[in-house]
Amino acid sequence: MLTGLRAARKEGLTLEQAFQRLALHRAFPTYLVPQPGQWDYGMQERNIRNLWRILQEESQSQH
């Protein structure tokens, strides 16, 4: 996921475009997406959002 997000940022994609690229149903078509109320509902999106934020902070600290 981290490698994919780094590549997306390098390509100039937005966070929304990165969500589309790294969507569970794309990477794992047979994976059943959890329904609201299940403990892991929204976990993929949260992970992507958190890693994106960390990469942004890393980028800002290097300038």
PDB file of N, CA and C in Angstrom:
ATOM      1  N   MET A   1       0.833  -1.181   0.000  1.00  0.00           N
ATOM      2  CA  MET A   1       0.000   0.000   0.000  1.00  0.00           C
ATOM      3  C   MET A   1       0.881   1.250   0.000  1.00  0.00           C
ATOM      4  N   LEU A   2       1.910   1.226   0.839  1.00  0.00           N
ATOM      5  CA  LEU A   2       2.803   2.384   0.923  1.00  0.00           C
ATOM      6  C   LEU A   2       3.504   2.616  -0.408  1.00  0.00           C
ATOM      7  N   THR A   3       3.980   1.555  -1.035  1.00  0.00           N
ATOM      8  CA  THR A   3       4.637   1.680  -2.342  1.00  0.00           C
ATOM      9  C   THR A   3       3.665   2.245  -3.368  1.00  0.00           C
ATOM     10  N   GLY A   4       2.440   1.763  -3.344  1.00  0.00           N
ATOM     11  CA  GLY A   4       1.426   2.257  -4.275  1.00  0.00           C
ATOM     12  C   GLY A   4       1.113   3.726  -4.063  1.00  0.00           C
ATOM     13  N   LEU A   5       1.049   4.154  -2.817  1.00  0.00           N
ATOM     14  CA  LEU A   5       0.764   5.564  -2.526  1.00  0.00           C
ATOM     15  C   LEU A   5       1.946   6.452  -2.905  1.00  0.00           C
ATOM     16  N   ARG A   6       3.152   5.977  -2.659  1.00  0.00           N
ATOM     17  CA  ARG A   6       4.329   6.755  -3.085  1.00  0.00           C
ATOM     18  C   ARG A   6       4.327   6.940  -4.603  1.00  0.00           C
ATOM     19  N   ALA A   7       4.019   5.872  -5.319  1.00  0.00           N
ATOM     20  CA  ALA A   7       3.957   5.951  -6.785  1.00  0.00           C
ATOM     21  C   ALA A   7       2.862   6.914  -7.232  1.00  0.00           C
ATOM     22  N   ALA A   8       1.711   6.858  -6.589  1.00  0.00           N
ATOM     23  CA  ALA A   8       0.600   7.742  -6.943  1.00  0.00           C
ATOM     24  C   ALA A   8       0.985   9.207  -6.734  1.00  0.00           C
ATOM     25  N   ARG A   9       1.632   9.498  -5.617  1.00  0.00           N
ATOM     26  CA  ARG A   9       2.059  10.885  -5.345  1.00  0.00           C
ATOM     27  C   ARG A   9       3.093  11.336  -6.362  1.00  0.00           C
ATOM     28  N   LYS A  10       4.020  10.445  -6.697  1.00  0.00           N
ATOM     29  CA  LYS A  10       5.059  10.776  -7.678  1.00  0.00           C
ATOM     30  C   LYS A  10       4.443  11.078  -9.041  1.00  0.00           C
ATOM     31  N   GLU A  11       3.363  10.375  -9.372  1.00  0.00           N
ATOM     32  CA  GLU A  11       2.658  10.591 -10.636  1.00  0.00           C
ATOM     33  C   GLU A  11       1.754  11.817 -10.595  1.00  0.00           C
ATOM     34  N   GLY A  12       1.605  12.411  -9.412  1.00  0.00           N
ATOM     35  CA  GLY A  12       0.770  13.597  -9.291  1.00  0.00           C
ATOM     36  C   GLY A  12      -0.709  13.304  -9.126  1.00  0.00           C
ATOM     37  N   LEU A  13      -1.048  12.082  -8.739  1.00  0.00           N
ATOM     38  CA  LEU A  13      -2.457  11.748  -8.537  1.00  0.00           C
ATOM     39  C   LEU A  13      -2.989  12.416  -7.270  1.00  0.00           C
ATOM     40  N   THR A  14      -4.282  12.597  -7.234  1.00  0.00           N
ATOM     41  CA  THR A  14      -4.935  13.119  -6.034  1.00  0.00           C
ATOM     42  C   THR A  14      -5.213  11.956  -5.087  1.00  0.00           C
ATOM     43  N   LEU A  15      -5.616  12.284  -3.879  1.00  0.00           N
ATOM     44  CA  LEU A  15      -5.979  11.250  -2.917  1.00  0.00           C
ATOM     45  C   LEU A  15      -7.139  10.418  -3.444  1.00  0.00           C
ATOM     46  N   GLU A  16      -8.122  11.046  -4.048  1.00  0.00           N
ATOM     47  CA  GLU A  16      -9.272  10.317  -4.602  1.00  0.00           C
ATOM     48  C   GLU A  16      -8.833   9.349  -5.690  1.00  0.00           C
ATOM     49  N   GLN A  17      -7.919   9.772  -6.537  1.00  0.00           N
ATOM     50  CA  GLN A  17      -7.418   8.890  -7.589  1.00  0.00           C
ATOM     51  C   GLN A  17      -6.641   7.721  -6.985  1.00  0.00           C
ATOM     52  N   ALA A  18      -5.915   7.991  -5.920  1.00  0.00           N
ATOM     53  CA  ALA A  18      -5.186   6.922  -5.227  1.00  0.00           C
ATOM     54  C   ALA A  18      -6.173   5.923  -4.619  1.00  0.00           C
ATOM     55  N   PHE A  19      -7.290   6.416  -4.056  1.00  0.00           N
ATOM     56  CA  PHE A  19      -8.330   5.522  -3.531  1.00  0.00           C
ATOM     57  C   PHE A  19      -8.808   4.569  -4.632  1.00  0.00           C
ATOM     58  N   GLN A  20      -9.055   5.122  -5.807  1.00  0.00           N
ATOM     59  CA  GLN A  20      -9.541   4.304  -6.915  1.00  0.00           C
ATOM     60  C   GLN A  20      -8.510   3.253  -7.316  1.00  0.00           C
ATOM     61  N   ARG A  21      -7.269   3.652  -7.381  1.00  0.00           N
ATOM     62  CA  ARG A  21      -6.206   2.734  -7.789  1.00  0.00           C
ATOM     63  C   ARG A  21      -6.016   1.607  -6.781  1.00  0.00           C
ATOM     64  N   LEU A  22      -6.102   1.938  -5.509  1.00  0.00           N
ATOM     65  CA  LEU A  22      -5.797   0.966  -4.458  1.00  0.00           C
ATOM     66  C   LEU A  22      -7.046   0.347  -3.824  1.00  0.00           C
ATOM     67  N   ALA A  23      -8.174   0.506  -4.479  1.00  0.00           N
ATOM     68  CA  ALA A  23      -9.425  -0.041  -3.946  1.00  0.00           C
ATOM     69  C   ALA A  23      -9.320  -1.554  -3.774  1.00  0.00           C
ATOM     70  N   LEU A  24      -9.861  -2.053  -2.686  1.00  0.00           N
ATOM     71  CA  LEU A  24      -9.820  -3.489  -2.414  1.00  0.00           C
ATOM     72  C   LEU A  24     -10.423  -4.312  -3.548  1.00  0.00           C
ATOM     73  N   HIS A  25     -11.539  -3.865  -4.089  1.00  0.00           N
ATOM     74  CA  HIS A  25     -12.213  -4.652  -5.120  1.00  0.00           C
ATOM     75  C   HIS A  25     -11.379  -4.737  -6.400  1.00  0.00           C
ATOM     76  N   ARG A  26     -10.454  -3.798  -6.603  1.00  0.00           N
ATOM     77  CA  ARG A  26      -9.565  -3.871  -7.757  1.00  0.00           C
ATOM     78  C   ARG A  26      -8.417  -4.829  -7.507  1.00  0.00           C
ATOM     79  N   ALA A  27      -7.782  -4.680  -6.362  1.00  0.00           N
ATOM     80  CA  ALA A  27      -6.618  -5.494  -6.038  1.00  0.00           C
ATOM     81  C   ALA A  27      -7.016  -6.934  -5.691  1.00  0.00           C
ATOM     82  N   PHE A  28      -8.172  -7.084  -5.051  1.00  0.00           N
ATOM     83  CA  PHE A  28      -8.637  -8.396  -4.607  1.00  0.00           C
ATOM     84  C   PHE A  28     -10.103  -8.558  -4.989  1.00  0.00           C
ATOM     85  N   PRO A  29     -10.367  -8.878  -6.253  1.00  0.00           N
ATOM     86  CA  PRO A  29     -11.759  -8.903  -6.727  1.00  0.00           C
ATOM     87  C   PRO A  29     -12.667  -9.881  -5.990  1.00  0.00           C
ATOM     88  N   THR A  30     -12.122 -10.906  -5.369  1.00  0.00           N
ATOM     89  CA  THR A  30     -12.975 -11.866  -4.669  1.00  0.00           C
ATOM     90  C   THR A  30     -13.179 -11.500  -3.202  1.00  0.00           C
ATOM     91  N   TYR A  31     -12.501 -10.445  -2.741  1.00  0.00           N
ATOM     92  CA  TYR A  31     -12.635 -10.007  -1.355  1.00  0.00           C
ATOM     93  C   TYR A  31     -14.006  -9.379  -1.154  1.00  0.00           C
ATOM     94  N   LEU A  32     -14.690  -9.811  -0.135  1.00  0.00           N
ATOM     95  CA  LEU A  32     -15.998  -9.234   0.167  1.00  0.00           C
ATOM     96  C   LEU A  32     -15.794  -7.980   1.015  1.00  0.00           C
ATOM     97  N   VAL A  33     -16.199  -6.867   0.498  1.00  0.00           N
ATOM     98  CA  VAL A  33     -16.052  -5.605   1.220  1.00  0.00           C
ATOM     99  C   VAL A  33     -16.946  -5.634   2.444  1.00  0.00           C
ATOM    100  N   PRO A  34     -16.381  -5.322   3.620  1.00  0.00           N
ATOM    101  CA  PRO A  34     -17.179  -5.356   4.842  1.00  0.00           C
ATOM    102  C   PRO A  34     -18.344  -4.370   4.790  1.00  0.00           C
ATOM    103  N   GLN A  35     -19.410  -4.748   5.402  1.00  0.00           N
ATOM    104  CA  GLN A  35     -20.601  -3.906   5.455  1.00  0.00           C
ATOM    105  C   GLN A  35     -20.532  -2.967   6.656  1.00  0.00           C
ATOM    106  N   PRO A  36     -21.248  -1.839   6.602  1.00  0.00           N
ATOM    107  CA  PRO A  36     -21.280  -0.946   7.759  1.00  0.00           C
ATOM    108  C   PRO A  36     -21.649  -1.726   9.023  1.00  0.00           C
ATOM    109  N   GLY A  37     -20.928  -1.427  10.089  1.00  0.00           N
ATOM    110  CA  GLY A  37     -21.158  -2.113  11.351  1.00  0.00           C
ATOM    111  C   GLY A  37     -20.152  -3.212  11.623  1.00  0.00           C
ATOM    112  N   GLN A  38     -19.525  -3.746  10.574  1.00  0.00           N
ATOM    113  CA  GLN A  38     -18.486  -4.742  10.787  1.00  0.00           C
ATOM    114  C   GLN A  38     -17.220  -4.037  11.256  1.00  0.00           C
ATOM    115  N   TRP A  39     -16.418  -4.727  12.069  1.00  0.00           N
ATOM    116  CA  TRP A  39     -15.265  -4.095  12.703  1.00  0.00           C
ATOM    117  C   TRP A  39     -14.272  -3.526  11.691  1.00  0.00           C
ATOM    118  N   ASP A  40     -14.143  -4.120  10.506  1.00  0.00           N
ATOM    119  CA  ASP A  40     -13.151  -3.630   9.548  1.00  0.00           C
ATOM    120  C   ASP A  40     -13.743  -2.767   8.435  1.00  0.00           C
ATOM    121  N   TYR A  41     -14.992  -2.334   8.624  1.00  0.00           N
ATOM    122  CA  TYR A  41     -15.614  -1.459   7.630  1.00  0.00           C
ATOM    123  C   TYR A  41     -14.830  -0.152   7.524  1.00  0.00           C
ATOM    124  N   GLY A  42     -14.415   0.212   6.317  1.00  0.00           N
ATOM    125  CA  GLY A  42     -13.700   1.462   6.087  1.00  0.00           C
ATOM    126  C   GLY A  42     -12.217   1.414   6.428  1.00  0.00           C
ATOM    127  N   MET A  43     -11.701   0.248   6.782  1.00  0.00           N
ATOM    128  CA  MET A  43     -10.300   0.159   7.197  1.00  0.00           C
ATOM    129  C   MET A  43      -9.346   0.507   6.059  1.00  0.00           C
ATOM    130  N   GLN A  44      -9.624   0.014   4.862  1.00  0.00           N
ATOM    131  CA  GLN A  44      -8.753   0.304   3.719  1.00  0.00           C
ATOM    132  C   GLN A  44      -8.677   1.813   3.479  1.00  0.00           C
ATOM    133  N   GLU A  45      -9.820   2.475   3.495  1.00  0.00           N
ATOM    134  CA  GLU A  45      -9.840   3.923   3.274  1.00  0.00           C
ATOM    135  C   GLU A  45      -9.088   4.656   4.378  1.00  0.00           C
ATOM    136  N   ARG A  46      -9.278   4.254   5.633  1.00  0.00           N
ATOM    137  CA  ARG A  46      -8.549   4.893   6.740  1.00  0.00           C
ATOM    138  C   ARG A  46      -7.050   4.703   6.592  1.00  0.00           C
ATOM    139  N   ASN A  47      -6.628   3.494   6.223  1.00  0.00           N
ATOM    140  CA  ASN A  47      -5.208   3.232   6.056  1.00  0.00           C
ATOM    141  C   ASN A  47      -4.611   4.088   4.938  1.00  0.00           C
ATOM    142  N   ILE A  48      -5.303   4.167   3.835  1.00  0.00           N
ATOM    143  CA  ILE A  48      -4.821   4.987   2.716  1.00  0.00           C
ATOM    144  C   ILE A  48      -4.741   6.450   3.139  1.00  0.00           C
ATOM    145  N   ARG A  49      -5.786   6.948   3.786  1.00  0.00           N
ATOM    146  CA  ARG A  49      -5.818   8.347   4.219  1.00  0.00           C
ATOM    147  C   ARG A  49      -4.675   8.651   5.202  1.00  0.00           C
ATOM    148  N   ASN A  50      -4.422   7.741   6.146  1.00  0.00           N
ATOM    149  CA  ASN A  50      -3.348   7.955   7.124  1.00  0.00           C
ATOM    150  C   ASN A  50      -1.974   7.917   6.474  1.00  0.00           C
ATOM    151  N   LEU A  51      -1.757   6.953   5.585  1.00  0.00           N
ATOM    152  CA  LEU A  51      -0.463   6.895   4.901  1.00  0.00           C
ATOM    153  C   LEU A  51      -0.252   8.111   4.007  1.00  0.00           C
ATOM    154  N   TRP A  52      -1.292   8.580   3.363  1.00  0.00           N
ATOM    155  CA  TRP A  52      -1.210   9.773   2.507  1.00  0.00           C
ATOM    156  C   TRP A  52      -0.782  10.982   3.346  1.00  0.00           C
ATOM    157  N   ARG A  53      -1.398  11.105   4.519  1.00  0.00           N
ATOM    158  CA  ARG A  53      -1.055  12.212   5.422  1.00  0.00           C
ATOM    159  C   ARG A  53       0.402  12.116   5.858  1.00  0.00           C
ATOM    160  N   ILE A  54       0.857  10.924   6.202  1.00  0.00           N
ATOM    161  CA  ILE A  54       2.245  10.731   6.621  1.00  0.00           C
ATOM    162  C   ILE A  54       3.200  11.092   5.490  1.00  0.00           C
ATOM    163  N   LEU A  55       2.885  10.682   4.283  1.00  0.00           N
ATOM    164  CA  LEU A  55       3.737  11.023   3.139  1.00  0.00           C
ATOM    165  C   LEU A  55       3.757  12.526   2.887  1.00  0.00           C
ATOM    166  N   GLN A  56       2.634  13.182   3.075  1.00  0.00           N
ATOM    167  CA  GLN A  56       2.591  14.637   2.934  1.00  0.00           C
ATOM    168  C   GLN A  56       3.493  15.305   3.977  1.00  0.00           C
ATOM    169  N   GLU A  57       3.404  14.840   5.206  1.00  0.00           N
ATOM    170  CA  GLU A  57       4.222  15.398   6.283  1.00  0.00           C
ATOM    171  C   GLU A  57       5.707  15.159   6.006  1.00  0.00           C
ATOM    172  N   GLU A  58       6.063  13.982   5.512  1.00  0.00           N
ATOM    173  CA  GLU A  58       7.453  13.687   5.158  1.00  0.00           C
ATOM    174  C   GLU A  58       7.932  14.646   4.079  1.00  0.00           C
ATOM    175  N   SER A  59       7.092  14.846   3.076  1.00  0.00           N
ATOM    176  CA  SER A  59       7.450  15.724   1.960  1.00  0.00           C
ATOM    177  C   SER A  59       7.649  17.155   2.425  1.00  0.00           C
ATOM    178  N   GLN A  60       6.787  17.627   3.319  1.00  0.00           N
ATOM    179  CA  GLN A  60       6.897  18.993   3.821  1.00  0.00           C
ATOM    180  C   GLN A  60       8.125  19.166   4.693  1.00  0.00           C
ATOM    181  N   SER A  61       8.513  18.152   5.433  1.00  0.00           N
ATOM    182  CA  SER A  61       9.673  18.268   6.309  1.00  0.00           C
ATOM    183  C   SER A  61      10.979  18.231   5.529  1.00  0.00           C
ATOM    184  N   GLN A  62      10.958  17.732   4.307  1.00  0.00           N
ATOM    185  CA  GLN A  62      12.161  17.677   3.481  1.00  0.00           C
ATOM    186  C   GLN A  62      12.439  18.974   2.766  1.00  0.00           C
ATOM    187  N   HIS A  63      11.483  19.884   2.770  1.00  0.00           N
ATOM    188  CA  HIS A  63      11.655  21.168   2.051  1.00  0.00           C
ATOM    189  C   HIS A  63      12.168  22.216   2.960  1.00  0.00           C
TER     190      HIS A  63
END
